[in-house]
PDB file of N, CA and C in Angstrom:
ATOM      1  N   MET A   1      98.666 114.319 114.944  1.00  0.00           N
ATOM      2  CA  MET A   1      97.818 113.396 114.212  1.00  0.00           C
ATOM      3  C   MET A   1      96.677 114.188 113.589  1.00  0.00           C
ATOM      4  N   GLU A   2      96.451 113.967 112.315  1.00  0.00           N
ATOM      5  CA  GLU A   2      95.395 114.645 111.582  1.00  0.00           C
ATOM      6  C   GLU A   2      94.332 113.618 111.183  1.00  0.00           C
ATOM      7  N   THR A   3      93.056 114.011 111.271  1.00  0.00           N
ATOM      8  CA  THR A   3      91.953 113.142 110.881  1.00  0.00           C
ATOM      9  C   THR A   3      91.120 113.844 109.818  1.00  0.00           C
ATOM     10  N   MET A   4      90.833 113.128 108.744  1.00  0.00           N
ATOM     11  CA  MET A   4      89.999 113.650 107.660  1.00  0.00           C
ATOM     12  C   MET A   4      88.829 112.708 107.455  1.00  0.00           C
ATOM     13  N   LEU A   5      87.671 113.258 107.178  1.00  0.00           N
ATOM     14  CA  LEU A   5      86.476 112.459 106.926  1.00  0.00           C
ATOM     15  C   LEU A   5      85.950 112.749 105.523  1.00  0.00           C
ATOM     16  N   PHE A   6      85.580 111.690 104.826  1.00  0.00           N
ATOM     17  CA  PHE A   6      85.040 111.807 103.482  1.00  0.00           C
ATOM     18  C   PHE A   6      83.795 110.937 103.396  1.00  0.00           C
ATOM     19  N   GLU A   7      82.843 111.351 102.561  1.00  0.00           N
ATOM     20  CA  GLU A   7      81.635 110.558 102.367  1.00  0.00           C
ATOM     21  C   GLU A   7      81.201 110.663 100.916  1.00  0.00           C
ATOM     22  N   TYR A   8      80.841 109.505 100.339  1.00  0.00           N
ATOM     23  CA  TYR A   8      80.440 109.437  98.938  1.00  0.00           C
ATOM     24  C   TYR A   8      79.220 108.544  98.802  1.00  0.00           C
ATOM     25  N   PRO A   9      78.351 108.821  97.827  1.00  0.00           N
ATOM     26  CA  PRO A   9      77.217 107.930  97.596  1.00  0.00           C
ATOM     27  C   PRO A   9      77.724 106.553  97.157  1.00  0.00           C
ATOM     28  N   ALA A  10      76.993 105.511  97.537  1.00  0.00           N
ATOM     29  CA  ALA A  10      77.414 104.153  97.188  1.00  0.00           C
ATOM     30  C   ALA A  10      76.203 103.257  96.958  1.00  0.00           C
ATOM     31  N   THR A  11      76.397 102.243  96.115  1.00  0.00           N
ATOM     32  CA  THR A  11      75.300 101.347  95.765  1.00  0.00           C
ATOM     33  C   THR A  11      75.681  99.874  95.808  1.00  0.00           C
ATOM     34  N   LYS A  12      76.946  99.554  96.040  1.00  0.00           N
ATOM     35  CA  LYS A  12      77.410  98.170  95.986  1.00  0.00           C
ATOM     36  C   LYS A  12      77.643  97.613  97.385  1.00  0.00           C
ATOM     37  N   LYS A  13      76.940  96.531  97.723  1.00  0.00           N
ATOM     38  CA  LYS A  13      77.102  95.910  99.037  1.00  0.00           C
ATOM     39  C   LYS A  13      78.364  95.052  99.065  1.00  0.00           C
ATOM     40  N   LEU A  14      79.041  95.069 100.201  1.00  0.00           N
ATOM     41  CA  LEU A  14      80.203  94.216 100.413  1.00  0.00           C
ATOM     42  C   LEU A  14      79.788  92.975 101.185  1.00  0.00           C
ATOM     43  N   ALA A  15      80.503  91.882 100.982  1.00  0.00           N
ATOM     44  CA  ALA A  15      80.160  90.619 101.628  1.00  0.00           C
ATOM     45  C   ALA A  15      80.750  90.492 103.029  1.00  0.00           C
ATOM     46  N   HIS A  16      81.985  90.978 103.241  1.00  0.00           N
ATOM     47  CA  HIS A  16      82.689  90.723 104.495  1.00  0.00           C
ATOM     48  C   HIS A  16      83.515  91.916 104.945  1.00  0.00           C
ATOM     49  N   LYS A  17      83.899  91.900 106.216  1.00  0.00           N
ATOM     50  CA  LYS A  17      84.869  92.870 106.729  1.00  0.00           C
ATOM     51  C   LYS A  17      86.231  92.559 106.123  1.00  0.00           C
ATOM     52  N   ALA A  18      87.114  93.560 106.144  1.00  0.00           N
ATOM     53  CA  ALA A  18      88.469  93.345 105.639  1.00  0.00           C
ATOM     54  C   ALA A  18      89.465  94.176 106.444  1.00  0.00           C
ATOM     55  N   HIS A  19      90.693  93.664 106.521  1.00  0.00           N
ATOM     56  CA  HIS A  19      91.815  94.366 107.153  1.00  0.00           C
ATOM     57  C   HIS A  19      93.043  94.048 106.319  1.00  0.00           C
ATOM     58  N   VAL A  20      93.612  95.084 105.691  1.00  0.00           N
ATOM     59  CA  VAL A  20      94.817  94.891 104.880  1.00  0.00           C
ATOM     60  C   VAL A  20      95.853  95.933 105.248  1.00  0.00           C
ATOM     61  N   GLY A  21      97.118  95.581 105.025  1.00  0.00           N
ATOM     62  CA  GLY A  21      98.215  96.500 105.278  1.00  0.00           C
ATOM     63  C   GLY A  21      98.577  96.582 106.744  1.00  0.00           C
ATOM     64  N   VAL A  22      99.646  97.315 107.003  1.00  0.00           N
ATOM     65  CA  VAL A  22     100.127  97.556 108.366  1.00  0.00           C
ATOM     66  C   VAL A  22     100.512  99.022 108.489  1.00  0.00           C
ATOM     67  N   VAL A  23     100.417  99.528 109.688  1.00  0.00           N
ATOM     68  CA  VAL A  23     100.858 100.898 109.920  1.00  0.00           C
ATOM     69  C   VAL A  23     102.357 100.812 110.171  1.00  0.00           C
ATOM     70  N   GLY A  24     103.130 101.193 109.169  1.00  0.00           N
ATOM     71  CA  GLY A  24     104.580 101.147 109.260  1.00  0.00           C
ATOM     72  C   GLY A  24     105.157 102.125 108.260  1.00  0.00           C
ATOM     73  N   SER A  25     106.421 102.292 108.288  1.00  0.00           N
ATOM     74  CA  SER A  25     107.092 103.269 107.447  1.00  0.00           C
ATOM     75  C   SER A  25     106.675 103.149 105.987  1.00  0.00           C
ATOM     76  N   GLY A  26     106.069 104.209 105.467  1.00  0.00           N
ATOM     77  CA  GLY A  26     105.675 104.258 104.067  1.00  0.00           C
ATOM     78  C   GLY A  26     104.481 103.401 103.717  1.00  0.00           C
ATOM     79  N   ASP A  27     103.729 102.964 104.698  1.00  0.00           N
ATOM     80  CA  ASP A  27     102.591 102.087 104.427  1.00  0.00           C
ATOM     81  C   ASP A  27     101.375 102.563 105.212  1.00  0.00           C
ATOM     82  N   LEU A  28     100.299 101.807 105.101  1.00  0.00           N
ATOM     83  CA  LEU A  28      99.086 102.127 105.843  1.00  0.00           C
ATOM     84  C   LEU A  28      98.244 100.881 105.986  1.00  0.00           C
ATOM     85  N   GLU A  29      97.271 100.948 106.900  1.00  0.00           N
ATOM     86  CA  GLU A  29      96.316  99.855 107.016  1.00  0.00           C
ATOM     87  C   GLU A  29      94.939 100.380 106.672  1.00  0.00           C
ATOM     88  N   VAL A  30      94.119  99.484 106.123  1.00  0.00           N
ATOM     89  CA  VAL A  30      92.749  99.808 105.747  1.00  0.00           C
ATOM     90  C   VAL A  30      91.834  98.797 106.425  1.00  0.00           C
ATOM     91  N   LEU A  31      90.842  99.300 107.141  1.00  0.00           N
ATOM     92  CA  LEU A  31      89.841  98.475 107.804  1.00  0.00           C
ATOM     93  C   LEU A  31      88.492  98.777 107.169  1.00  0.00           C
ATOM     94  N   VAL A  32      87.816  97.752 106.676  1.00  0.00           N
ATOM     95  CA  VAL A  32      86.548  97.916 105.978  1.00  0.00           C
ATOM     96  C   VAL A  32      85.451  97.181 106.742  1.00  0.00           C
ATOM     97  N   THR A  33      84.355  97.883 106.994  1.00  0.00           N
ATOM     98  CA  THR A  33      83.167  97.287 107.593  1.00  0.00           C
ATOM     99  C   THR A  33      81.998  97.535 106.646  1.00  0.00           C
ATOM    100  N   PRO A  34      81.383  96.465 106.141  1.00  0.00           N
ATOM    101  CA  PRO A  34      80.236  96.641 105.246  1.00  0.00           C
ATOM    102  C   PRO A  34      79.105  97.409 105.928  1.00  0.00           C
ATOM    103  N   SER A  35      78.313  98.092 105.128  1.00  0.00           N
ATOM    104  CA  SER A  35      77.205  98.887 105.635  1.00  0.00           C
ATOM    105  C   SER A  35      75.992  98.705 104.731  1.00  0.00           C
ATOM    106  N   ASP A  36      74.822  98.910 105.297  1.00  0.00           N
ATOM    107  CA  ASP A  36      73.604  98.904 104.494  1.00  0.00           C
ATOM    108  C   ASP A  36      73.212 100.315 104.068  1.00  0.00           C
ATOM    109  N   GLU A  37      73.955 101.292 104.545  1.00  0.00           N
ATOM    110  CA  GLU A  37      73.671 102.685 104.217  1.00  0.00           C
ATOM    111  C   GLU A  37      74.096 102.981 102.773  1.00  0.00           C
ATOM    112  N   PRO A  38      73.461 103.950 102.120  1.00  0.00           N
ATOM    113  CA  PRO A  38      73.775 104.241 100.712  1.00  0.00           C
ATOM    114  C   PRO A  38      74.976 105.180 100.542  1.00  0.00           C
ATOM    115  N   TRP A  39      76.036 104.929 101.287  1.00  0.00           N
ATOM    116  CA  TRP A  39      77.226 105.762 101.206  1.00  0.00           C
ATOM    117  C   TRP A  39      78.465 104.980 101.601  1.00  0.00           C
ATOM    118  N   THR A  40      79.590 105.555 101.234  1.00  0.00           N
ATOM    119  CA  THR A  40      80.895 105.126 101.726  1.00  0.00           C
ATOM    120  C   THR A  40      81.364 106.229 102.650  1.00  0.00           C
ATOM    121  N   ARG A  41      81.736 105.873 103.841  1.00  0.00           N
ATOM    122  CA  ARG A  41      82.279 106.849 104.792  1.00  0.00           C
ATOM    123  C   ARG A  41      83.724 106.451 105.070  1.00  0.00           C
ATOM    124  N   VAL A  42      84.652 107.378 104.818  1.00  0.00           N
ATOM    125  CA  VAL A  42      86.074 107.101 104.961  1.00  0.00           C
ATOM    126  C   VAL A  42      86.669 108.039 106.006  1.00  0.00           C
ATOM    127  N   GLU A  43      87.353 107.454 106.981  1.00  0.00           N
ATOM    128  CA  GLU A  43      88.088 108.229 107.989  1.00  0.00           C
ATOM    129  C   GLU A  43      89.576 107.948 107.800  1.00  0.00           C
ATOM    130  N   VAL A  44      90.333 108.999 107.549  1.00  0.00           N
ATOM    131  CA  VAL A  44      91.779 108.878 107.360  1.00  0.00           C
ATOM    132  C   VAL A  44      92.466 109.501 108.564  1.00  0.00           C
ATOM    133  N   ARG A  45      93.345 108.731 109.189  1.00  0.00           N
ATOM    134  CA  ARG A  45      94.182 109.252 110.279  1.00  0.00           C
ATOM    135  C   ARG A  45      95.631 109.176 109.826  1.00  0.00           C
ATOM    136  N   THR A  46      96.316 110.309 109.899  1.00  0.00           N
ATOM    137  CA  THR A  46      97.700 110.363 109.429  1.00  0.00           C
ATOM    138  C   THR A  46      98.520 111.309 110.298  1.00  0.00           C
ATOM    139  N   GLY A  47      99.788 111.012 110.402  1.00  0.00           N
ATOM    140  CA  GLY A  47     100.720 111.884 111.101  1.00  0.00           C
ATOM    141  C   GLY A  47     101.345 112.907 110.166  1.00  0.00           C
ATOM    142  N   MET A  48     101.075 112.769 108.885  1.00  0.00           N
ATOM    143  CA  MET A  48     101.624 113.677 107.880  1.00  0.00           C
ATOM    144  C   MET A  48     100.665 114.846 107.690  1.00  0.00           C
ATOM    145  N   THR A  49     101.123 116.037 107.872  1.00  0.00           N
ATOM    146  CA  THR A  49     100.259 117.213 107.720  1.00  0.00           C
ATOM    147  C   THR A  49     100.510 117.893 106.376  1.00  0.00           C
ATOM    148  N   GLY A  50      99.490 118.621 105.913  1.00  0.00           N
ATOM    149  CA  GLY A  50      99.635 119.399 104.691  1.00  0.00           C
ATOM    150  C   GLY A  50      99.271 118.667 103.417  1.00  0.00           C
ATOM    151  N   PHE A  51      98.702 117.470 103.527  1.00  0.00           N
ATOM    152  CA  PHE A  51      98.375 116.691 102.339  1.00  0.00           C
ATOM    153  C   PHE A  51      96.867 116.490 102.173  1.00  0.00           C
ATOM    154  N   ASP A  52      96.069 117.359 102.759  1.00  0.00           N
ATOM    155  CA  ASP A  52      94.607 117.226 102.700  1.00  0.00           C
ATOM    156  C   ASP A  52      94.098 117.152 101.260  1.00  0.00           C
ATOM    157  N   ASP A  53      94.566 118.028 100.396  1.00  0.00           N
ATOM    158  CA  ASP A  53      94.107 118.045  99.003  1.00  0.00           C
ATOM    159  C   ASP A  53      94.475 116.757  98.274  1.00  0.00           C
ATOM    160  N   THR A  54      95.668 116.249  98.533  1.00  0.00           N
ATOM    161  CA  THR A  54      96.098 115.000  97.908  1.00  0.00           C
ATOM    162  C   THR A  54      95.215 113.854  98.372  1.00  0.00           C
ATOM    163  N   TRP A  55      94.970 113.768  99.669  1.00  0.00           N
ATOM    164  CA  TRP A  55      94.093 112.721 100.197  1.00  0.00           C
ATOM    165  C   TRP A  55      92.711 112.816  99.564  1.00  0.00           C
ATOM    166  N   LYS A  56      92.179 114.014  99.512  1.00  0.00           N
ATOM    167  CA  LYS A  56      90.837 114.198  98.951  1.00  0.00           C
ATOM    168  C   LYS A  56      90.773 113.688  97.517  1.00  0.00           C
ATOM    169  N   ARG A  57      91.757 114.038  96.697  1.00  0.00           N
ATOM    170  CA  ARG A  57      91.761 113.623  95.298  1.00  0.00           C
ATOM    171  C   ARG A  57      91.889 112.100  95.153  1.00  0.00           C
ATOM    172  N   VAL A  58      92.776 111.499  95.921  1.00  0.00           N
ATOM    173  CA  VAL A  58      92.997 110.050  95.825  1.00  0.00           C
ATOM    174  C   VAL A  58      91.751 109.286  96.270  1.00  0.00           C
ATOM    175  N   ILE A  59      91.192 109.657  97.405  1.00  0.00           N
ATOM    176  CA  ILE A  59      90.009 108.968  97.935  1.00  0.00           C
ATOM    177  C   ILE A  59      88.813 109.178  97.003  1.00  0.00           C
ATOM    178  N   GLU A  60      88.629 110.403  96.552  1.00  0.00           N
ATOM    179  CA  GLU A  60      87.509 110.708  95.664  1.00  0.00           C
ATOM    180  C   GLU A  60      87.606 109.927  94.354  1.00  0.00           C
ATOM    181  N   ARG A  61      88.782 109.884  93.760  1.00  0.00           N
ATOM    182  CA  ARG A  61      88.978 109.149  92.505  1.00  0.00           C
ATOM    183  C   ARG A  61      88.650 107.667  92.701  1.00  0.00           C
ATOM    184  N   PHE A  62      89.109 107.099  93.799  1.00  0.00           N
ATOM    185  CA  PHE A  62      88.874 105.680  94.045  1.00  0.00           C
ATOM    186  C   PHE A  62      87.391 105.377  94.235  1.00  0.00           C
ATOM    187  N   PHE A  63      86.713 106.164  95.061  1.00  0.00           N
ATOM    188  CA  PHE A  63      85.319 105.852  95.378  1.00  0.00           C
ATOM    189  C   PHE A  63      84.329 106.367  94.348  1.00  0.00           C
ATOM    190  N   ASN A  64      84.785 107.135  93.379  1.00  0.00           N
ATOM    191  CA  ASN A  64      83.936 107.438  92.225  1.00  0.00           C
ATOM    192  C   ASN A  64      83.828 106.219  91.313  1.00  0.00           C
ATOM    193  N   VAL A  65      84.802 105.338  91.382  1.00  0.00           N
ATOM    194  CA  VAL A  65      84.805 104.103  90.599  1.00  0.00           C
ATOM    195  C   VAL A  65      84.232 102.934  91.402  1.00  0.00           C
ATOM    196  N   HIS A  66      84.582 102.858  92.682  1.00  0.00           N
ATOM    197  CA  HIS A  66      84.189 101.744  93.549  1.00  0.00           C
ATOM    198  C   HIS A  66      83.188 102.240  94.587  1.00  0.00           C
ATOM    199  N   ALA A  67      81.915 102.141  94.255  1.00  0.00           N
ATOM    200  CA  ALA A  67      80.851 102.678  95.110  1.00  0.00           C
ATOM    201  C   ALA A  67      80.436 101.668  96.181  1.00  0.00           C
ATOM    202  N   ALA A  68      81.380 101.262  97.015  1.00  0.00           N
ATOM    203  CA  ALA A  68      81.143 100.242  98.039  1.00  0.00           C
ATOM    204  C   ALA A  68      80.442 100.833  99.252  1.00  0.00           C
ATOM    205  N   GLN A  69      79.367 100.185  99.675  1.00  0.00           N
ATOM    206  CA  GLN A  69      78.652 100.619 100.871  1.00  0.00           C
ATOM    207  C   GLN A  69      79.439 100.132 102.081  1.00  0.00           C
ATOM    208  N   ALA A  70      80.156 101.058 102.733  1.00  0.00           N
ATOM    209  CA  ALA A  70      81.036 100.643 103.824  1.00  0.00           C
ATOM    210  C   ALA A  70      81.471 101.823 104.674  1.00  0.00           C
ATOM    211  N   THR A  71      81.950 101.466 105.856  1.00  0.00           N
ATOM    212  CA  THR A  71      82.684 102.406 106.698  1.00  0.00           C
ATOM    213  C   THR A  71      84.135 101.961 106.625  1.00  0.00           C
ATOM    214  N   ILE A  72      85.016 102.873 106.260  1.00  0.00           N
ATOM    215  CA  ILE A  72      86.418 102.533 106.025  1.00  0.00           C
ATOM    216  C   ILE A  72      87.301 103.417 106.892  1.00  0.00           C
ATOM    217  N   LYS A  73      88.241 102.774 107.580  1.00  0.00           N
ATOM    218  CA  LYS A  73      89.221 103.503 108.373  1.00  0.00           C
ATOM    219  C   LYS A  73      90.593 103.273 107.761  1.00  0.00           C
ATOM    220  N   VAL A  74      91.299 104.367 107.528  1.00  0.00           N
ATOM    221  CA  VAL A  74      92.637 104.316 106.962  1.00  0.00           C
ATOM    222  C   VAL A  74      93.588 104.914 107.992  1.00  0.00           C
ATOM    223  N   ASN A  75      94.576 104.116 108.406  1.00  0.00           N
ATOM    224  CA  ASN A  75      95.600 104.580 109.342  1.00  0.00           C
ATOM    225  C   ASN A  75      96.910 104.655 108.574  1.00  0.00           C
ATOM    226  N   ASP A  76      97.397 105.872 108.365  1.00  0.00           N
ATOM    227  CA  ASP A  76      98.520 106.125 107.461  1.00  0.00           C
ATOM    228  C   ASP A  76      99.821 106.388 108.202  1.00  0.00           C
ATOM    229  N   PHE A  77     100.915 105.927 107.596  1.00  0.00           N
ATOM    230  CA  PHE A  77     102.249 106.231 108.092  1.00  0.00           C
ATOM    231  C   PHE A  77     103.132 106.635 106.928  1.00  0.00           C
ATOM    232  N   GLY A  78     102.665 107.644 106.169  1.00  0.00           N
ATOM    233  CA  GLY A  78     103.475 108.200 105.087  1.00  0.00           C
ATOM    234  C   GLY A  78     103.366 107.476 103.763  1.00  0.00           C
ATOM    235  N   ALA A  79     102.247 106.820 103.500  1.00  0.00           N
ATOM    236  CA  ALA A  79     102.078 106.098 102.237  1.00  0.00           C
ATOM    237  C   ALA A  79     101.930 107.060 101.067  1.00  0.00           C
ATOM    238  N   THR A  80     102.386 106.624  99.913  1.00  0.00           N
ATOM    239  CA  THR A  80     102.227 107.408  98.688  1.00  0.00           C
ATOM    240  C   THR A  80     100.811 107.199  98.147  1.00  0.00           C
ATOM    241  N   PRO A  81     100.335 108.074  97.255  1.00  0.00           N
ATOM    242  CA  PRO A  81      99.003 107.883  96.665  1.00  0.00           C
ATOM    243  C   PRO A  81      98.836 106.519  95.996  1.00  0.00           C
ATOM    244  N   GLY A  82      99.870 106.015  95.351  1.00  0.00           N
ATOM    245  CA  GLY A  82      99.788 104.697  94.720  1.00  0.00           C
ATOM    246  C   GLY A  82      99.548 103.588  95.730  1.00  0.00           C
ATOM    247  N   VAL A  83     100.209 103.663  96.862  1.00  0.00           N
ATOM    248  CA  VAL A  83     100.023 102.664  97.918  1.00  0.00           C
ATOM    249  C   VAL A  83      98.615 102.768  98.495  1.00  0.00           C
ATOM    250  N   VAL A  84      98.112 103.986  98.649  1.00  0.00           N
ATOM    251  CA  VAL A  84      96.749 104.178  99.157  1.00  0.00           C
ATOM    252  C   VAL A  84      95.758 103.476  98.239  1.00  0.00           C
ATOM    253  N   SER A  85      95.850 103.718  96.947  1.00  0.00           N
ATOM    254  CA  SER A  85      94.942 103.083  95.989  1.00  0.00           C
ATOM    255  C   SER A  85      95.083 101.563  96.002  1.00  0.00           C
ATOM    256  N   LEU A  86      96.306 101.068  96.085  1.00  0.00           N
ATOM    257  CA  LEU A  86      96.557  99.631  96.125  1.00  0.00           C
ATOM    258  C   LEU A  86      95.904  99.001  97.354  1.00  0.00           C
ATOM    259  N   ARG A  87      96.099  99.589  98.513  1.00  0.00           N
ATOM    260  CA  ARG A  87      95.529  99.033  99.748  1.00  0.00           C
ATOM    261  C   ARG A  87      94.004  99.079  99.727  1.00  0.00           C
ATOM    262  N   LEU A  88      93.428 100.156  99.207  1.00  0.00           N
ATOM    263  CA  LEU A  88      91.972 100.224  99.114  1.00  0.00           C
ATOM    264  C   LEU A  88      91.450  99.121  98.195  1.00  0.00           C
ATOM    265  N   ALA A  89      92.123  98.912  97.051  1.00  0.00           N
ATOM    266  CA  ALA A  89      91.722  97.849  96.120  1.00  0.00           C
ATOM    267  C   ALA A  89      91.861  96.478  96.770  1.00  0.00           C
ATOM    268  N   GLN A  90      92.935  96.269  97.516  1.00  0.00           N
ATOM    269  CA  GLN A  90      93.121  94.997  98.222  1.00  0.00           C
ATOM    270  C   GLN A  90      92.007  94.770  99.234  1.00  0.00           C
ATOM    271  N   ALA A  91      91.626  95.811  99.944  1.00  0.00           N
ATOM    272  CA  ALA A  91      90.573  95.680 100.949  1.00  0.00           C
ATOM    273  C   ALA A  91      89.249  95.262 100.309  1.00  0.00           C
ATOM    274  N   LEU A  92      88.929  95.838  99.152  1.00  0.00           N
ATOM    275  CA  LEU A  92      87.700  95.435  98.468  1.00  0.00           C
ATOM    276  C   LEU A  92      87.798  93.999  97.972  1.00  0.00           C
ATOM    277  N   GLU A  93      88.970  93.601  97.514  1.00  0.00           N
ATOM    278  CA  GLU A  93      89.150  92.221  97.072  1.00  0.00           C
ATOM    279  C   GLU A  93      88.989  91.250  98.236  1.00  0.00           C
ATOM    280  N   VAL A  94      89.570  91.568  99.375  1.00  0.00           N
ATOM    281  CA  VAL A  94      89.440  90.721 100.560  1.00  0.00           C
ATOM    282  C   VAL A  94      87.979  90.639 101.000  1.00  0.00           C
ATOM    283  N   SER A  95      87.250  91.710 100.793  1.00  0.00           N
ATOM    284  CA  SER A  95      85.820  91.722 101.131  1.00  0.00           C
ATOM    285  C   SER A  95      85.009  90.890 100.138  1.00  0.00           C
ATOM    286  N   GLU A  96      85.713  90.144  99.291  1.00  0.00           N
ATOM    287  CA  GLU A  96      85.122  89.345  98.212  1.00  0.00           C
ATOM    288  C   GLU A  96      84.396  90.235  97.224  1.00  0.00           C
ATOM    289  N   GLN A  97      85.021  91.342  96.941  1.00  0.00           N
ATOM    290  CA  GLN A  97      84.439  92.325  96.029  1.00  0.00           C
ATOM    291  C   GLN A  97      83.021  92.628  96.461  1.00  0.00           C
ATOM    292  N   TYR A  98      82.095  92.629  95.554  1.00  0.00           N
ATOM    293  CA  TYR A  98      80.724  92.965  95.877  1.00  0.00           C
ATOM    294  C   TYR A  98      79.884  91.696  95.920  1.00  0.00           C
ATOM    295  N   GLU A  99      78.848  91.717  96.753  1.00  0.00           N
ATOM    296  CA  GLU A  99      77.926  90.575  96.765  1.00  0.00           C
ATOM    297  C   GLU A  99      77.305  90.442  95.381  1.00  0.00           C
ATOM    298  N   ARG A 100      77.077  89.255  94.975  1.00  0.00           N
ATOM    299  CA  ARG A 100      76.455  89.026  93.671  1.00  0.00           C
ATOM    300  C   ARG A 100      74.968  89.347  93.769  1.00  0.00           C
ATOM    301  N   SER A 101      74.470  90.074  92.790  1.00  0.00           N
ATOM    302  CA  SER A 101      73.046  90.449  92.777  1.00  0.00           C
ATOM    303  C   SER A 101      72.207  89.377  92.137  1.00  0.00           C
TER     304      SER A 101
END
């Protein structure tokens, strides 16, 4: 099992916690907890080794666009980059996107 940690600046508050996806063949689950801190902290746990650079690029691309203030846990079981982006987007949607300012 490999664990990767990422952190990005963030400015958008989330309204609610979210849980999307399942840990199963070719899929992953995403758990989102809103935070008041000015960052997004992402922890990725995966059984697939050797994909650190791919994970970094996918997570970085997503959170450069979606600056959600949150702690996010991703539990992977061989998901493709497209599935990772889809699940992250679903998690933000379930969190009711961002609180209205």
